[in-house]
Amino acid sequence: MTNGAAVAGSVAAMAEAMKAIGAIILVEPQDFLGILQKTEKPLVVHSPSGLLTRYKYLTSYKGLTFFTKSKEALLIPASVETITAKKIVLPQI
């Protein structure tokens, strides 16, 4: 396989991943917390990562996926269902 074919394959795979996932909307941490307040039964996936620990958070609201990251852990309300992930991986374009 040539380098060009490998790159084309990677781009095609990424495009398919984006179709499956849909749009991911990056918001500020405070806006993310605001979205949780609007959600009836929110679910948050969170993951600490990296040497300089940046906390990552993902949730869904009205069919859209929202993502934020923060140097400090967010104060997620106790009523929010949470899942701790080893890592959150997002496609990059």
C-alpha atoms as a PDB file:
ATOM      1  CA  MET A   1       0.000   0.000   0.000  1.00  0.00           C
ATOM      2  CA  THR A   2       1.383   3.428  -0.914  1.00  0.00           C
ATOM      3  CA  ASN A   3       1.460   6.332   1.521  1.00  0.00           C
ATOM      4  CA  GLY A   4      -1.274   8.054  -0.479  1.00  0.00           C
ATOM      5  CA  ALA A   5      -3.510   4.992  -0.270  1.00  0.00           C
ATOM      6  CA  ALA A   6      -2.884   4.687   3.475  1.00  0.00           C
ATOM      7  CA  VAL A   7      -3.807   8.352   4.026  1.00  0.00           C
ATOM      8  CA  ALA A   8      -6.928   7.976   1.887  1.00  0.00           C
ATOM      9  CA  GLY A   9      -7.910   4.899   3.913  1.00  0.00           C
ATOM     10  CA  SER A  10      -7.425   6.791   7.169  1.00  0.00           C
ATOM     11  CA  VAL A  11      -9.517   9.731   5.936  1.00  0.00           C
ATOM     12  CA  ALA A  12     -12.284   7.366   4.814  1.00  0.00           C
ATOM     13  CA  ALA A  13     -12.264   5.570   8.175  1.00  0.00           C
ATOM     14  CA  MET A  14     -12.456   8.895  10.014  1.00  0.00           C
ATOM     15  CA  ALA A  15     -15.355  10.044   7.834  1.00  0.00           C
ATOM     16  CA  GLU A  16     -17.229   6.824   8.642  1.00  0.00           C
ATOM     17  CA  ALA A  17     -16.571   7.323  12.368  1.00  0.00           C
ATOM     18  CA  MET A  18     -17.934  10.869  12.170  1.00  0.00           C
ATOM     19  CA  LYS A  19     -21.099   9.600  10.441  1.00  0.00           C
ATOM     20  CA  ALA A  20     -21.613   7.057  13.206  1.00  0.00           C
ATOM     21  CA  ILE A  21     -20.952   9.516  16.039  1.00  0.00           C
ATOM     22  CA  GLY A  22     -22.393  12.696  14.540  1.00  0.00           C
ATOM     23  CA  ALA A  23     -21.254  16.168  15.457  1.00  0.00           C
ATOM     24  CA  ILE A  24     -19.387  16.684  18.707  1.00  0.00           C
ATOM     25  CA  ILE A  25     -19.813  20.166  20.119  1.00  0.00           C
ATOM     26  CA  LEU A  26     -16.977  21.610  22.211  1.00  0.00           C
ATOM     27  CA  VAL A  27     -18.218  23.871  25.020  1.00  0.00           C
ATOM     28  CA  GLU A  28     -16.699  25.603  28.020  1.00  0.00           C
ATOM     29  CA  PRO A  29     -16.943  23.753  31.360  1.00  0.00           C
ATOM     30  CA  GLN A  30     -19.577  26.148  32.771  1.00  0.00           C
ATOM     31  CA  ASP A  31     -21.736  25.725  29.664  1.00  0.00           C
ATOM     32  CA  PHE A  32     -21.406  21.939  30.033  1.00  0.00           C
ATOM     33  CA  LEU A  33     -22.714  22.168  33.612  1.00  0.00           C
ATOM     34  CA  GLY A  34     -25.577  24.328  32.357  1.00  0.00           C
ATOM     35  CA  ILE A  35     -26.523  21.649  29.824  1.00  0.00           C
ATOM     36  CA  LEU A  36     -26.645  19.086  32.631  1.00  0.00           C
ATOM     37  CA  GLN A  37     -29.132  21.292  34.505  1.00  0.00           C
ATOM     38  CA  LYS A  38     -31.430  21.317  31.456  1.00  0.00           C
ATOM     39  CA  THR A  39     -31.350  17.532  31.059  1.00  0.00           C
ATOM     40  CA  GLU A  40     -33.983  15.413  32.816  1.00  0.00           C
ATOM     41  CA  LYS A  41     -31.816  12.323  33.435  1.00  0.00           C
ATOM     42  CA  PRO A  42     -28.286  13.240  32.357  1.00  0.00           C
ATOM     43  CA  LEU A  43     -25.539  10.728  31.754  1.00  0.00           C
ATOM     44  CA  VAL A  44     -21.917  11.893  31.775  1.00  0.00           C
ATOM     45  CA  VAL A  45     -18.877   9.961  30.656  1.00  0.00           C
ATOM     46  CA  HIS A  46     -15.737  11.371  32.247  1.00  0.00           C
ATOM     47  CA  SER A  47     -12.065  10.565  32.087  1.00  0.00           C
ATOM     48  CA  PRO A  48      -8.945  11.979  33.674  1.00  0.00           C
ATOM     49  CA  SER A  49      -6.019  11.866  31.263  1.00  0.00           C
ATOM     50  CA  GLY A  50      -2.466  12.933  30.595  1.00  0.00           C
ATOM     51  CA  LEU A  51       0.475  13.921  32.724  1.00  0.00           C
ATOM     52  CA  LEU A  52      -0.984  17.356  33.434  1.00  0.00           C
ATOM     53  CA  THR A  53      -4.384  15.761  34.105  1.00  0.00           C
ATOM     54  CA  ARG A  54      -7.044  17.359  31.993  1.00  0.00           C
ATOM     55  CA  TYR A  55     -10.453  16.035  32.884  1.00  0.00           C
ATOM     56  CA  LYS A  56     -12.660  15.234  29.896  1.00  0.00           C
ATOM     57  CA  TYR A  57     -16.456  15.087  29.941  1.00  0.00           C
ATOM     58  CA  LEU A  58     -19.024  13.963  27.385  1.00  0.00           C
ATOM     59  CA  THR A  59     -22.830  14.105  27.492  1.00  0.00           C
ATOM     60  CA  SER A  60     -25.796  14.105  25.123  1.00  0.00           C
ATOM     61  CA  TYR A  61     -28.611  16.650  24.992  1.00  0.00           C
ATOM     62  CA  LYS A  62     -31.448  16.762  22.444  1.00  0.00           C
ATOM     63  CA  GLY A  63     -29.600  14.412  20.119  1.00  0.00           C
ATOM     64  CA  LEU A  64     -26.348  16.380  20.160  1.00  0.00           C
ATOM     65  CA  THR A  65     -23.103  15.316  21.834  1.00  0.00           C
ATOM     66  CA  PHE A  66     -21.336  17.887  24.007  1.00  0.00           C
ATOM     67  CA  PHE A  67     -17.708  17.685  25.111  1.00  0.00           C
ATOM     68  CA  THR A  68     -15.595  19.749  27.490  1.00  0.00           C
ATOM     69  CA  LYS A  69     -12.234  19.475  29.168  1.00  0.00           C
ATOM     70  CA  SER A  70     -10.945  21.138  32.288  1.00  0.00           C
ATOM     71  CA  LYS A  71      -7.724  21.312  34.297  1.00  0.00           C
ATOM     72  CA  GLU A  72      -9.844  20.890  37.429  1.00  0.00           C
ATOM     73  CA  ALA A  73     -12.482  18.228  38.094  1.00  0.00           C
ATOM     74  CA  LEU A  74     -15.996  19.592  37.540  1.00  0.00           C
ATOM     75  CA  LEU A  75     -18.505  19.424  40.369  1.00  0.00           C
ATOM     76  CA  ILE A  76     -21.017  17.108  38.749  1.00  0.00           C
ATOM     77  CA  PRO A  77     -24.261  16.955  40.778  1.00  0.00           C
ATOM     78  CA  ALA A  78     -24.809  13.683  42.647  1.00  0.00           C
ATOM     79  CA  SER A  79     -28.090  13.170  40.753  1.00  0.00           C
ATOM     80  CA  VAL A  80     -26.205  12.799  37.444  1.00  0.00           C
ATOM     81  CA  GLU A  81     -25.425   9.254  36.361  1.00  0.00           C
ATOM     82  CA  THR A  82     -21.712   9.021  35.586  1.00  0.00           C
ATOM     83  CA  ILE A  83     -19.493   6.523  33.851  1.00  0.00           C
ATOM     84  CA  THR A  84     -15.741   6.659  34.336  1.00  0.00           C
ATOM     85  CA  ALA A  85     -13.841   5.811  31.191  1.00  0.00           C
ATOM     86  CA  LYS A  86     -10.181   4.967  30.996  1.00  0.00           C
ATOM     87  CA  LYS A  87      -9.929   7.314  28.016  1.00  0.00           C
ATOM     88  CA  ILE A  88     -12.210   9.402  25.799  1.00  0.00           C
ATOM     89  CA  VAL A  89     -11.053   9.385  22.189  1.00  0.00           C
ATOM     90  CA  LEU A  90     -12.556  11.860  19.725  1.00  0.00           C
ATOM     91  CA  PRO A  91     -11.992  11.864  15.976  1.00  0.00           C
ATOM     92  CA  GLN A  92      -9.888  14.794  14.778  1.00  0.00           C
ATOM     93  CA  ILE A  93     -10.353  16.461  11.430  1.00  0.00           C
END
